[in-house]
Amino acid sequence: MTIKPIRTDDDLRAAFRHLEGLYQADEGTPEADERDVLVTLIEAYENKHYAFGPADPVDAIRFRMEQQGLTPRDLEPFIGPSGRVSEVLNRKRPLSLRMVKQLHEGLQIPYESLLAGAS
């Protein structure tokens, strides 16, 4: 196992190429250990150079809807009547704290994403 620091985007691309060959390694093997170390290095480089903030609240809601195959009607227990759901999804109405709490508890959307950009 030869592990090198990831210092550039070229190093990152090379690390990803190498990781592809290790991805299916059986746990407890040297290849699996190398995969785990490589993933840690890749994550560290990406966090330092490509840090993303929390998702936009509407994007987070839409992502969860897509993940779970939900329709806007499915959001009514968390947001309110269909008109209110539509306003939220079209960014015409901000989320209230009650909506945030309901969406977090009901759909497990992180508070950090639901409160992103709140002032």
PDB file of N, CA and C in Angstrom:
ATOM      1  N   MET A   1       0.855  -1.174   0.000  1.00  0.00           N
ATOM      2  CA  MET A   1       0.000   0.000   0.000  1.00  0.00           C
ATOM      3  C   MET A   1       0.895   1.228   0.000  1.00  0.00           C
ATOM      4  N   THR A   2       0.705   2.045  -1.020  1.00  0.00           N
ATOM      5  CA  THR A   2       1.431   3.302  -1.110  1.00  0.00           C
ATOM      6  C   THR A   2       0.421   4.433  -1.081  1.00  0.00           C
ATOM      7  N   ILE A   3       0.370   5.128   0.025  1.00  0.00           N
ATOM      8  CA  ILE A   3      -0.562   6.239   0.194  1.00  0.00           C
ATOM      9  C   ILE A   3       0.236   7.540   0.138  1.00  0.00           C
ATOM     10  N   LYS A   4      -0.285   8.484  -0.681  1.00  0.00           N
ATOM     11  CA  LYS A   4       0.358   9.795  -0.783  1.00  0.00           C
ATOM     12  C   LYS A   4      -0.669  10.867  -0.453  1.00  0.00           C
ATOM     13  N   PRO A   5      -0.208  12.000   0.028  1.00  0.00           N
ATOM     14  CA  PRO A   5      -1.144  13.100   0.291  1.00  0.00           C
ATOM     15  C   PRO A   5      -1.815  13.554  -1.009  1.00  0.00           C
ATOM     16  N   ILE A   6      -3.007  14.082  -0.881  1.00  0.00           N
ATOM     17  CA  ILE A   6      -3.715  14.669  -2.021  1.00  0.00           C
ATOM     18  C   ILE A   6      -3.538  16.170  -1.906  1.00  0.00           C
ATOM     19  N   ARG A   7      -2.773  16.734  -2.842  1.00  0.00           N
ATOM     20  CA  ARG A   7      -2.452  18.167  -2.771  1.00  0.00           C
ATOM     21  C   ARG A   7      -3.077  18.982  -3.897  1.00  0.00           C
ATOM     22  N   THR A   8      -3.453  18.313  -4.982  1.00  0.00           N
ATOM     23  CA  THR A   8      -3.990  19.021  -6.152  1.00  0.00           C
ATOM     24  C   THR A   8      -5.216  18.277  -6.679  1.00  0.00           C
ATOM     25  N   ASP A   9      -5.926  18.936  -7.599  1.00  0.00           N
ATOM     26  CA  ASP A   9      -7.067  18.274  -8.226  1.00  0.00           C
ATOM     27  C   ASP A   9      -6.619  17.075  -9.066  1.00  0.00           C
ATOM     28  N   ASP A  10      -5.417  17.158  -9.647  1.00  0.00           N
ATOM     29  CA  ASP A  10      -4.890  16.000 -10.385  1.00  0.00           C
ATOM     30  C   ASP A  10      -4.666  14.827  -9.435  1.00  0.00           C
ATOM     31  N   ASP A  11      -4.122  15.108  -8.244  1.00  0.00           N
ATOM     32  CA  ASP A  11      -3.956  14.050  -7.236  1.00  0.00           C
ATOM     33  C   ASP A  11      -5.315  13.465  -6.853  1.00  0.00           C
ATOM     34  N   LEU A  12      -6.313  14.335  -6.756  1.00  0.00           N
ATOM     35  CA  LEU A  12      -7.656  13.891  -6.394  1.00  0.00           C
ATOM     36  C   LEU A  12      -8.222  12.949  -7.457  1.00  0.00           C
ATOM     37  N   ARG A  13      -8.079  13.325  -8.727  1.00  0.00           N
ATOM     38  CA  ARG A  13      -8.570  12.462  -9.806  1.00  0.00           C
ATOM     39  C   ARG A  13      -7.851  11.114  -9.784  1.00  0.00           C
ATOM     40  N   ALA A  14      -6.548  11.129  -9.546  1.00  0.00           N
ATOM     41  CA  ALA A  14      -5.785   9.876  -9.473  1.00  0.00           C
ATOM     42  C   ALA A  14      -6.263   9.028  -8.292  1.00  0.00           C
ATOM     43  N   ALA A  15      -6.559   9.673  -7.183  1.00  0.00           N
ATOM     44  CA  ALA A  15      -7.049   8.943  -6.006  1.00  0.00           C
ATOM     45  C   ALA A  15      -8.393   8.285  -6.305  1.00  0.00           C
ATOM     46  N   PHE A  16      -9.267   8.999  -7.016  1.00  0.00           N
ATOM     47  CA  PHE A  16     -10.554   8.417  -7.379  1.00  0.00           C
ATOM     48  C   PHE A  16     -10.380   7.219  -8.315  1.00  0.00           C
ATOM     49  N   ARG A  17      -9.475   7.351  -9.276  1.00  0.00           N
ATOM     50  CA  ARG A  17      -9.220   6.222 -10.184  1.00  0.00           C
ATOM     51  C   ARG A  17      -8.735   5.007  -9.403  1.00  0.00           C
ATOM     52  N   HIS A  18      -7.819   5.236  -8.465  1.00  0.00           N
ATOM     53  CA  HIS A  18      -7.287   4.145  -7.652  1.00  0.00           C
ATOM     54  C   HIS A  18      -8.385   3.553  -6.759  1.00  0.00           C
ATOM     55  N   LEU A  19      -9.232   4.415  -6.232  1.00  0.00           N
ATOM     56  CA  LEU A  19     -10.315   3.973  -5.354  1.00  0.00           C
ATOM     57  C   LEU A  19     -11.290   3.053  -6.091  1.00  0.00           C
ATOM     58  N   GLU A  20     -11.514   3.319  -7.371  1.00  0.00           N
ATOM     59  CA  GLU A  20     -12.426   2.462  -8.147  1.00  0.00           C
ATOM     60  C   GLU A  20     -12.010   0.998  -8.083  1.00  0.00           C
ATOM     61  N   GLY A  21     -10.712   0.734  -8.112  1.00  0.00           N
ATOM     62  CA  GLY A  21     -10.223  -0.633  -8.059  1.00  0.00           C
ATOM     63  C   GLY A  21     -10.326  -1.262  -6.678  1.00  0.00           C
ATOM     64  N   LEU A  22     -10.471  -0.430  -5.662  1.00  0.00           N
ATOM     65  CA  LEU A  22     -10.523  -0.926  -4.284  1.00  0.00           C
ATOM     66  C   LEU A  22     -11.938  -0.942  -3.715  1.00  0.00           C
ATOM     67  N   TYR A  23     -12.866  -0.400  -4.449  1.00  0.00           N
ATOM     68  CA  TYR A  23     -14.199  -0.146  -3.911  1.00  0.00           C
ATOM     69  C   TYR A  23     -14.885  -1.403  -3.389  1.00  0.00           C
ATOM     70  N   GLN A  24     -14.747  -2.519  -4.067  1.00  0.00           N
ATOM     71  CA  GLN A  24     -15.434  -3.754  -3.680  1.00  0.00           C
ATOM     72  C   GLN A  24     -14.578  -4.663  -2.798  1.00  0.00           C
ATOM     73  N   ALA A  25     -13.494  -4.143  -2.248  1.00  0.00           N
ATOM     74  CA  ALA A  25     -12.601  -4.970  -1.430  1.00  0.00           C
ATOM     75  C   ALA A  25     -13.330  -5.536  -0.223  1.00  0.00           C
ATOM     76  N   ASP A  26     -13.029  -6.796   0.100  1.00  0.00           N
ATOM     77  CA  ASP A  26     -13.630  -7.453   1.263  1.00  0.00           C
ATOM     78  C   ASP A  26     -13.081  -6.846   2.549  1.00  0.00           C
ATOM     79  N   GLU A  27     -13.989  -6.634   3.511  1.00  0.00           N
ATOM     80  CA  GLU A  27     -13.582  -6.084   4.803  1.00  0.00           C
ATOM     81  C   GLU A  27     -12.506  -6.963   5.433  1.00  0.00           C
ATOM     82  N   GLY A  28     -11.582  -6.318   6.125  1.00  0.00           N
ATOM     83  CA  GLY A  28     -10.527  -7.036   6.824  1.00  0.00           C
ATOM     84  C   GLY A  28      -9.319  -7.342   5.958  1.00  0.00           C
ATOM     85  N   THR A  29      -9.362  -6.942   4.694  1.00  0.00           N
ATOM     86  CA  THR A  29      -8.223  -7.173   3.802  1.00  0.00           C
ATOM     87  C   THR A  29      -7.373  -5.914   3.725  1.00  0.00           C
ATOM     88  N   PRO A  30      -6.117  -6.051   3.310  1.00  0.00           N
ATOM     89  CA  PRO A  30      -5.281  -4.858   3.141  1.00  0.00           C
ATOM     90  C   PRO A  30      -5.887  -3.879   2.132  1.00  0.00           C
ATOM     91  N   GLU A  31      -6.561  -4.403   1.122  1.00  0.00           N
ATOM     92  CA  GLU A  31      -7.187  -3.525   0.128  1.00  0.00           C
ATOM     93  C   GLU A  31      -8.311  -2.695   0.750  1.00  0.00           C
ATOM     94  N   ALA A  32      -9.074  -3.318   1.649  1.00  0.00           N
ATOM     95  CA  ALA A  32     -10.140  -2.585   2.341  1.00  0.00           C
ATOM     96  C   ALA A  32      -9.544  -1.502   3.236  1.00  0.00           C
ATOM     97  N   ASP A  33      -8.430  -1.806   3.889  1.00  0.00           N
ATOM     98  CA  ASP A  33      -7.757  -0.800   4.721  1.00  0.00           C
ATOM     99  C   ASP A  33      -7.285   0.364   3.859  1.00  0.00           C
ATOM    100  N   GLU A  34      -6.714   0.038   2.696  1.00  0.00           N
ATOM    101  CA  GLU A  34      -6.236   1.082   1.792  1.00  0.00           C
ATOM    102  C   GLU A  34      -7.405   1.927   1.295  1.00  0.00           C
ATOM    103  N   ARG A  35      -8.524   1.277   0.968  1.00  0.00           N
ATOM    104  CA  ARG A  35      -9.730   1.988   0.534  1.00  0.00           C
ATOM    105  C   ARG A  35     -10.184   2.971   1.613  1.00  0.00           C
ATOM    106  N   ASP A  36     -10.235   2.517   2.864  1.00  0.00           N
ATOM    107  CA  ASP A  36     -10.705   3.372   3.955  1.00  0.00           C
ATOM    108  C   ASP A  36      -9.798   4.582   4.161  1.00  0.00           C
ATOM    109  N   VAL A  37      -8.497   4.364   4.068  1.00  0.00           N
ATOM    110  CA  VAL A  37      -7.551   5.477   4.220  1.00  0.00           C
ATOM    111  C   VAL A  37      -7.705   6.449   3.055  1.00  0.00           C
ATOM    112  N   LEU A  38      -7.856   5.916   1.848  1.00  0.00           N
ATOM    113  CA  LEU A  38      -8.005   6.757   0.667  1.00  0.00           C
ATOM    114  C   LEU A  38      -9.286   7.590   0.734  1.00  0.00           C
ATOM    115  N   VAL A  39     -10.371   7.001   1.196  1.00  0.00           N
ATOM    116  CA  VAL A  39     -11.631   7.735   1.344  1.00  0.00           C
ATOM    117  C   VAL A  39     -11.453   8.883   2.333  1.00  0.00           C
ATOM    118  N   THR A  40     -10.749   8.633   3.413  1.00  0.00           N
ATOM    119  CA  THR A  40     -10.499   9.677   4.411  1.00  0.00           C
ATOM    120  C   THR A  40      -9.687  10.824   3.816  1.00  0.00           C
ATOM    121  N   LEU A  41      -8.673  10.496   3.035  1.00  0.00           N
ATOM    122  CA  LEU A  41      -7.852  11.530   2.394  1.00  0.00           C
ATOM    123  C   LEU A  41      -8.674  12.336   1.380  1.00  0.00           C
ATOM    124  N   ILE A  42      -9.494  11.641   0.612  1.00  0.00           N
ATOM    125  CA  ILE A  42     -10.333  12.326  -0.379  1.00  0.00           C
ATOM    126  C   ILE A  42     -11.310  13.267   0.321  1.00  0.00           C
ATOM    127  N   GLU A  43     -11.948  12.792   1.368  1.00  0.00           N
ATOM    128  CA  GLU A  43     -12.897  13.638   2.114  1.00  0.00           C
ATOM    129  C   GLU A  43     -12.201  14.859   2.695  1.00  0.00           C
ATOM    130  N   ALA A  44     -11.014  14.672   3.234  1.00  0.00           N
ATOM    131  CA  ALA A  44     -10.282  15.801   3.825  1.00  0.00           C
ATOM    132  C   ALA A  44      -9.953  16.841   2.755  1.00  0.00           C
ATOM    133  N   TYR A  45      -9.500  16.384   1.597  1.00  0.00           N
ATOM    134  CA  TYR A  45      -9.166  17.320   0.512  1.00  0.00           C
ATOM    135  C   TYR A  45     -10.420  18.052   0.039  1.00  0.00           C
ATOM    136  N   GLU A  46     -11.505  17.305  -0.184  1.00  0.00           N
ATOM    137  CA  GLU A  46     -12.735  17.936  -0.664  1.00  0.00           C
ATOM    138  C   GLU A  46     -13.300  18.925   0.348  1.00  0.00           C
ATOM    139  N   ASN A  47     -13.266  18.581   1.626  1.00  0.00           N
ATOM    140  CA  ASN A  47     -13.772  19.498   2.650  1.00  0.00           C
ATOM    141  C   ASN A  47     -12.964  20.779   2.711  1.00  0.00           C
ATOM    142  N   LYS A  48     -11.677  20.671   2.455  1.00  0.00           N
ATOM    143  CA  LYS A  48     -10.804  21.856   2.507  1.00  0.00           C
ATOM    144  C   LYS A  48     -10.965  22.724   1.264  1.00  0.00           C
ATOM    145  N   HIS A  49     -11.112  22.099   0.101  1.00  0.00           N
ATOM    146  CA  HIS A  49     -11.113  22.847  -1.154  1.00  0.00           C
ATOM    147  C   HIS A  49     -12.487  23.049  -1.785  1.00  0.00           C
ATOM    148  N   TYR A  50     -13.444  22.259  -1.383  1.00  0.00           N
ATOM    149  CA  TYR A  50     -14.771  22.337  -1.989  1.00  0.00           C
ATOM    150  C   TYR A  50     -15.856  22.329  -0.925  1.00  0.00           C
ATOM    151  N   ALA A  51     -15.674  23.098   0.096  1.00  0.00           N
ATOM    152  CA  ALA A  51     -16.633  23.119   1.199  1.00  0.00           C
ATOM    153  C   ALA A  51     -17.977  23.661   0.715  1.00  0.00           C
ATOM    154  N   PHE A  52     -19.011  22.910   0.987  1.00  0.00           N
ATOM    155  CA  PHE A  52     -20.368  23.317   0.664  1.00  0.00           C
ATOM    156  C   PHE A  52     -21.083  23.625   1.956  1.00  0.00           C
ATOM    157  N   GLY A  53     -21.907  24.649   1.923  1.00  0.00           N
ATOM    158  CA  GLY A  53     -22.727  24.955   3.082  1.00  0.00           C
ATOM    159  C   GLY A  53     -23.938  24.037   3.095  1.00  0.00           C
ATOM    160  N   PRO A  54     -24.777  24.212   4.055  1.00  0.00           N
ATOM    161  CA  PRO A  54     -25.984  23.392   4.098  1.00  0.00           C
ATOM    162  C   PRO A  54     -26.859  23.667   2.878  1.00  0.00           C
ATOM    163  N   ALA A  55     -27.664  22.701   2.536  1.00  0.00           N
ATOM    164  CA  ALA A  55     -28.562  22.830   1.387  1.00  0.00           C
ATOM    165  C   ALA A  55     -29.583  23.931   1.625  1.00  0.00           C
ATOM    166  N   ASP A  56     -30.055  24.517   0.561  1.00  0.00           N
ATOM    167  CA  ASP A  56     -31.152  25.463   0.613  1.00  0.00           C
ATOM    168  C   ASP A  56     -32.378  24.709   1.130  1.00  0.00           C
ATOM    169  N   PRO A  57     -33.209  25.325   1.976  1.00  0.00           N
ATOM    170  CA  PRO A  57     -34.352  24.612   2.544  1.00  0.00           C
ATOM    171  C   PRO A  57     -35.270  23.962   1.503  1.00  0.00           C
ATOM    172  N   VAL A  58     -35.600  24.693   0.455  1.00  0.00           N
ATOM    173  CA  VAL A  58     -36.492  24.139  -0.567  1.00  0.00           C
ATOM    174  C   VAL A  58     -35.787  22.999  -1.308  1.00  0.00           C
ATOM    175  N   ASP A  59     -34.500  23.168  -1.604  1.00  0.00           N
ATOM    176  CA  ASP A  59     -33.751  22.089  -2.253  1.00  0.00           C
ATOM    177  C   ASP A  59     -33.718  20.850  -1.364  1.00  0.00           C
ATOM    178  N   ALA A  60     -33.569  21.050  -0.063  1.00  0.00           N
ATOM    179  CA  ALA A  60     -33.544  19.914   0.869  1.00  0.00           C
ATOM    180  C   ALA A  60     -34.894  19.206   0.881  1.00  0.00           C
ATOM    181  N   ILE A  61     -35.972  19.973   0.854  1.00  0.00           N
ATOM    182  CA  ILE A  61     -37.311  19.380   0.838  1.00  0.00           C
ATOM    183  C   ILE A  61     -37.525  18.619  -0.468  1.00  0.00           C
ATOM    184  N   ARG A  62     -37.172  19.240  -1.585  1.00  0.00           N
ATOM    185  CA  ARG A  62     -37.338  18.578  -2.890  1.00  0.00           C
ATOM    186  C   ARG A  62     -36.486  17.309  -2.982  1.00  0.00           C
ATOM    187  N   PHE A  63     -35.283  17.349  -2.421  1.00  0.00           N
ATOM    188  CA  PHE A  63     -34.423  16.167  -2.421  1.00  0.00           C
ATOM    189  C   PHE A  63     -35.080  15.029  -1.654  1.00  0.00           C
ATOM    190  N   ARG A  64     -35.631  15.339  -0.470  1.00  0.00           N
ATOM    191  CA  ARG A  64     -36.301  14.310   0.325  1.00  0.00           C
ATOM    192  C   ARG A  64     -37.538  13.789  -0.405  1.00  0.00           C
ATOM    193  N   MET A  65     -38.261  14.686  -1.067  1.00  0.00           N
ATOM    194  CA  MET A  65     -39.428  14.253  -1.835  1.00  0.00           C
ATOM    195  C   MET A  65     -39.011  13.252  -2.915  1.00  0.00           C
ATOM    196  N   GLU A  66     -37.939  13.571  -3.602  1.00  0.00           N
ATOM    197  CA  GLU A  66     -37.441  12.682  -4.655  1.00  0.00           C
ATOM    198  C   GLU A  66     -36.993  11.342  -4.074  1.00  0.00           C
ATOM    199  N   GLN A  67     -36.272  11.392  -2.961  1.00  0.00           N
ATOM    200  CA  GLN A  67     -35.791  10.167  -2.317  1.00  0.00           C
ATOM    201  C   GLN A  67     -36.932   9.237  -1.934  1.00  0.00           C
ATOM    202  N   GLN A  68     -38.002   9.822  -1.407  1.00  0.00           N
ATOM    203  CA  GLN A  68     -39.095   9.015  -0.862  1.00  0.00           C
ATOM    204  C   GLN A  68     -40.303   8.922  -1.793  1.00  0.00           C
ATOM    205  N   GLY A  69     -40.178   9.481  -2.990  1.00  0.00           N
ATOM    206  CA  GLY A  69     -41.288   9.424  -3.933  1.00  0.00           C
ATOM    207  C   GLY A  69     -42.517  10.178  -3.453  1.00  0.00           C
ATOM    208  N   LEU A  70     -42.301  11.311  -2.799  1.00  0.00           N
ATOM    209  CA  LEU A  70     -43.407  12.091  -2.239  1.00  0.00           C
ATOM    210  C   LEU A  70     -43.924  13.111  -3.245  1.00  0.00           C
ATOM    211  N   THR A  71     -45.187  13.450  -3.101  1.00  0.00           N
ATOM    212  CA  THR A  71     -45.804  14.508  -3.903  1.00  0.00           C
ATOM    213  C   THR A  71     -46.019  15.716  -3.002  1.00  0.00           C
ATOM    214  N   PRO A  72     -46.313  16.878  -3.582  1.00  0.00           N
ATOM    215  CA  PRO A  72     -46.610  18.035  -2.732  1.00  0.00           C
ATOM    216  C   PRO A  72     -47.740  17.752  -1.737  1.00  0.00           C
ATOM    217  N   ARG A  73     -48.709  16.954  -2.128  1.00  0.00           N
ATOM    218  CA  ARG A  73     -49.809  16.616  -1.219  1.00  0.00           C
ATOM    219  C   ARG A  73     -49.292  15.900   0.027  1.00  0.00           C
ATOM    220  N   ASP A  74     -48.232  15.110  -0.122  1.00  0.00           N
ATOM    221  CA  ASP A  74     -47.662  14.388   1.023  1.00  0.00           C
ATOM    222  C   ASP A  74     -47.035  15.341   2.041  1.00  0.00           C
ATOM    223  N   LEU A  75     -46.771  16.579   1.635  1.00  0.00           N
ATOM    224  CA  LEU A  75     -46.163  17.557   2.536  1.00  0.00           C
ATOM    225  C   LEU A  75     -47.179  18.304   3.385  1.00  0.00           C
ATOM    226  N   GLU A  76     -48.446  18.172   3.060  1.00  0.00           N
ATOM    227  CA  GLU A  76     -49.480  18.916   3.775  1.00  0.00           C
ATOM    228  C   GLU A  76     -49.479  18.693   5.282  1.00  0.00           C
ATOM    229  N   PRO A  77     -49.240  17.473   5.789  1.00  0.00           N
ATOM    230  CA  PRO A  77     -49.199  17.313   7.249  1.00  0.00           C
ATOM    231  C   PRO A  77     -48.056  18.097   7.917  1.00  0.00           C
ATOM    232  N   PHE A  78     -47.040  18.421   7.153  1.00  0.00           N
ATOM    233  CA  PHE A  78     -45.868  19.098   7.713  1.00  0.00           C
ATOM    234  C   PHE A  78     -45.892  20.610   7.480  1.00  0.00           C
ATOM    235  N   ILE A  79     -46.492  21.032   6.363  1.00  0.00           N
ATOM    236  CA  ILE A  79     -46.447  22.445   5.983  1.00  0.00           C
ATOM    237  C   ILE A  79     -47.811  23.109   6.104  1.00  0.00           C
ATOM    238  N   GLY A  80     -48.863  22.389   5.775  1.00  0.00           N
ATOM    239  CA  GLY A  80     -50.207  22.953   5.818  1.00  0.00           C
ATOM    240  C   GLY A  80     -50.928  22.701   4.508  1.00  0.00           C
ATOM    241  N   PRO A  81     -52.007  23.444   4.263  1.00  0.00           N
ATOM    242  CA  PRO A  81     -52.818  23.232   3.059  1.00  0.00           C
ATOM    243  C   PRO A  81     -52.005  23.319   1.765  1.00  0.00           C
ATOM    244  N   SER A  82     -52.577  22.779   0.698  1.00  0.00           N
ATOM    245  CA  SER A  82     -51.866  22.692  -0.582  1.00  0.00           C
ATOM    246  C   SER A  82     -51.362  24.038  -1.080  1.00  0.00           C
ATOM    247  N   GLY A  83     -52.122  25.101  -0.861  1.00  0.00           N
ATOM    248  CA  GLY A  83     -51.669  26.424  -1.289  1.00  0.00           C
ATOM    249  C   GLY A  83     -50.398  26.848  -0.581  1.00  0.00           C
ATOM    250  N   ARG A  84     -50.312  26.545   0.702  1.00  0.00           N
ATOM    251  CA  ARG A  84     -49.121  26.886   1.474  1.00  0.00           C
ATOM    252  C   ARG A  84     -47.933  26.044   1.011  1.00  0.00           C
ATOM    253  N   VAL A  85     -48.173  24.762   0.749  1.00  0.00           N
ATOM    254  CA  VAL A  85     -47.105  23.883   0.239  1.00  0.00           C
ATOM    255  C   VAL A  85     -46.570  24.459  -1.066  1.00  0.00           C
ATOM    256  N   SER A  86     -47.468  24.839  -1.946  1.00  0.00           N
ATOM    257  CA  SER A  86     -47.079  25.414  -3.236  1.00  0.00           C
ATOM    258  C   SER A  86     -46.249  26.683  -3.047  1.00  0.00           C
ATOM    259  N   GLU A  87     -46.671  27.544  -2.148  1.00  0.00           N
ATOM    260  CA  GLU A  87     -45.930  28.789  -1.886  1.00  0.00           C
ATOM    261  C   GLU A  87     -44.526  28.490  -1.376  1.00  0.00           C
ATOM    262  N   VAL A  88     -44.404  27.515  -0.483  1.00  0.00           N
ATOM    263  CA  VAL A  88     -43.085  27.160   0.050  1.00  0.00           C
ATOM    264  C   VAL A  88     -42.212  26.600  -1.062  1.00  0.00           C
ATOM    265  N   LEU A  89     -42.735  25.654  -1.833  1.00  0.00           N
ATOM    266  CA  LEU A  89     -41.939  25.016  -2.889  1.00  0.00           C
ATOM    267  C   LEU A  89     -41.569  25.990  -4.003  1.00  0.00           C
ATOM    268  N   ASN A  90     -42.367  27.053  -4.168  1.00  0.00           N
ATOM    269  CA  ASN A  90     -42.065  28.074  -5.177  1.00  0.00           C
ATOM    270  C   ASN A  90     -41.339  29.278  -4.590  1.00  0.00           C
ATOM    271  N   ARG A  91     -40.883  29.126  -3.345  1.00  0.00           N
ATOM    272  CA  ARG A  91     -40.083  30.143  -2.653  1.00  0.00           C
ATOM    273  C   ARG A  91     -40.821  31.468  -2.464  1.00  0.00           C
ATOM    274  N   LYS A  92     -42.136  31.408  -2.376  1.00  0.00           N
ATOM    275  CA  LYS A  92     -42.923  32.623  -2.142  1.00  0.00           C
ATOM    276  C   LYS A  92     -43.266  32.791  -0.669  1.00  0.00           C
ATOM    277  N   ARG A  93     -43.051  31.738   0.123  1.00  0.00           N
ATOM    278  CA  ARG A  93     -43.333  31.782   1.558  1.00  0.00           C
ATOM    279  C   ARG A  93     -42.172  31.097   2.274  1.00  0.00           C
ATOM    280  N   PRO A  94     -41.614  31.767   3.280  1.00  0.00           N
ATOM    281  CA  PRO A  94     -40.549  31.112   4.055  1.00  0.00           C
ATOM    282  C   PRO A  94     -41.123  30.054   4.991  1.00  0.00           C
ATOM    283  N   LEU A  95     -40.287  29.150   5.411  1.00  0.00           N
ATOM    284  CA  LEU A  95     -40.708  28.141   6.382  1.00  0.00           C
ATOM    285  C   LEU A  95     -40.869  28.787   7.752  1.00  0.00           C
ATOM    286  N   SER A  96     -41.927  28.441   8.431  1.00  0.00           N
ATOM    287  CA  SER A  96     -42.090  28.883   9.817  1.00  0.00           C
ATOM    288  C   SER A  96     -41.340  27.899  10.710  1.00  0.00           C
ATOM    289  N   LEU A  97     -41.141  28.270  11.955  1.00  0.00           N
ATOM    290  CA  LEU A  97     -40.473  27.356  12.884  1.00  0.00           C
ATOM    291  C   LEU A  97     -41.292  26.087  13.080  1.00  0.00           C
ATOM    292  N   ARG A  98     -42.608  26.205  13.064  1.00  0.00           N
ATOM    293  CA  ARG A  98     -43.464  25.022  13.186  1.00  0.00           C
ATOM    294  C   ARG A  98     -43.237  24.081  12.001  1.00  0.00           C
ATOM    295  N   MET A  99     -43.168  24.644  10.782  1.00  0.00           N
ATOM    296  CA  MET A  99     -42.928  23.832   9.589  1.00  0.00           C
ATOM    297  C   MET A  99     -41.570  23.144   9.679  1.00  0.00           C
ATOM    298  N   VAL A 100     -40.562  23.899  10.105  1.00  0.00           N
ATOM    299  CA  VAL A 100     -39.217  23.342  10.225  1.00  0.00           C
ATOM    300  C   VAL A 100     -39.224  22.147  11.173  1.00  0.00           C
ATOM    301  N   LYS A 101     -39.853  22.331  12.324  1.00  0.00           N
ATOM    302  CA  LYS A 101     -39.910  21.251  13.319  1.00  0.00           C
ATOM    303  C   LYS A 101     -40.653  20.043  12.760  1.00  0.00           C
ATOM    304  N   GLN A 102     -41.781  20.270  12.108  1.00  0.00           N
ATOM    305  CA  GLN A 102     -42.579  19.170  11.550  1.00  0.00           C
ATOM    306  C   GLN A 102     -41.806  18.442  10.443  1.00  0.00           C
ATOM    307  N   LEU A 103     -41.142  19.182   9.560  1.00  0.00           N
ATOM    308  CA  LEU A 103     -40.378  18.558   8.469  1.00  0.00           C
ATOM    309  C   LEU A 103     -39.194  17.764   9.016  1.00  0.00           C
ATOM    310  N   HIS A 104     -38.561  18.307  10.044  1.00  0.00           N
ATOM    311  CA  HIS A 104     -37.433  17.600  10.658  1.00  0.00           C
ATOM    312  C   HIS A 104     -37.903  16.297  11.298  1.00  0.00           C
ATOM    313  N   GLU A 105     -38.946  16.390  12.086  1.00  0.00           N
ATOM    314  CA  GLU A 105     -39.433  15.205  12.806  1.00  0.00           C
ATOM    315  C   GLU A 105     -40.098  14.197  11.873  1.00  0.00           C
ATOM    316  N   GLY A 106     -40.849  14.684  10.894  1.00  0.00           N
ATOM    317  CA  GLY A 106     -41.596  13.787  10.029  1.00  0.00           C
ATOM    318  C   GLY A 106     -40.804  13.202   8.879  1.00  0.00           C
ATOM    319  N   LEU A 107     -39.886  13.986   8.318  1.00  0.00           N
ATOM    320  CA  LEU A 107     -39.136  13.532   7.147  1.00  0.00           C
ATOM    321  C   LEU A 107     -37.635  13.429   7.394  1.00  0.00           C
ATOM    322  N   GLN A 108     -37.216  13.699   8.622  1.00  0.00           N
ATOM    323  CA  GLN A 108     -35.805  13.628   9.019  1.00  0.00           C
ATOM    324  C   GLN A 108     -34.903  14.507   8.140  1.00  0.00           C
ATOM    325  N   ILE A 109     -35.403  15.668   7.754  1.00  0.00           N
ATOM    326  CA  ILE A 109     -34.574  16.644   7.045  1.00  0.00           C
ATOM    327  C   ILE A 109     -33.796  17.392   8.120  1.00  0.00           C
ATOM    328  N   PRO A 110     -32.473  17.488   8.000  1.00  0.00           N
ATOM    329  CA  PRO A 110     -31.681  18.138   9.048  1.00  0.00           C
ATOM    330  C   PRO A 110     -32.099  19.596   9.285  1.00  0.00           C
ATOM    331  N   TYR A 111     -32.125  19.962  10.561  1.00  0.00           N
ATOM    332  CA  TYR A 111     -32.414  21.354  10.916  1.00  0.00           C
ATOM    333  C   TYR A 111     -31.470  22.301  10.179  1.00  0.00           C
ATOM    334  N   GLU A 112     -30.205  21.915  10.077  1.00  0.00           N
ATOM    335  CA  GLU A 112     -29.201  22.771   9.433  1.00  0.00           C
ATOM    336  C   GLU A 112     -29.633  23.155   8.018  1.00  0.00           C
ATOM    337  N   SER A 113     -30.206  22.203   7.283  1.00  0.00           N
ATOM    338  CA  SER A 113     -30.672  22.485   5.922  1.00  0.00           C
ATOM    339  C   SER A 113     -31.956  23.307   5.918  1.00  0.00           C
ATOM    340  N   LEU A 114     -32.858  22.997   6.818  1.00  0.00           N
ATOM    341  CA  LEU A 114     -34.138  23.704   6.852  1.00  0.00           C
ATOM    342  C   LEU A 114     -33.983  25.152   7.316  1.00  0.00           C
ATOM    343  N   LEU A 115     -32.964  25.427   8.099  1.00  0.00           N
ATOM    344  CA  LEU A 115     -32.750  26.775   8.619  1.00  0.00           C
ATOM    345  C   LEU A 115     -31.691  27.554   7.846  1.00  0.00           C
ATOM    346  N   ALA A 116     -31.124  26.962   6.808  1.00  0.00           N
ATOM    347  CA  ALA A 116     -30.075  27.623   6.027  1.00  0.00           C
ATOM    348  C   ALA A 116     -30.617  28.943   5.467  1.00  0.00           C
ATOM    349  N   GLY A 117     -29.852  29.987   5.650  1.00  0.00           N
ATOM    350  CA  GLY A 117     -30.226  31.301   5.133  1.00  0.00           C
ATOM    351  C   GLY A 117     -31.236  32.039   5.975  1.00  0.00           C
ATOM    352  N   ALA A 118     -31.701  31.438   7.078  1.00  0.00           N
ATOM    353  CA  ALA A 118     -32.660  32.140   7.944  1.00  0.00           C
ATOM    354  C   ALA A 118     -31.958  33.268   8.664  1.00  0.00           C
ATOM    355  N   SER A 119     -32.670  34.363   8.799  1.00  0.00           N
ATOM    356  CA  SER A 119     -32.035  35.503   9.488  1.00  0.00           C
ATOM    357  C   SER A 119     -32.674  35.743  10.825  1.00  0.00           C
TER     358      SER A 119
END
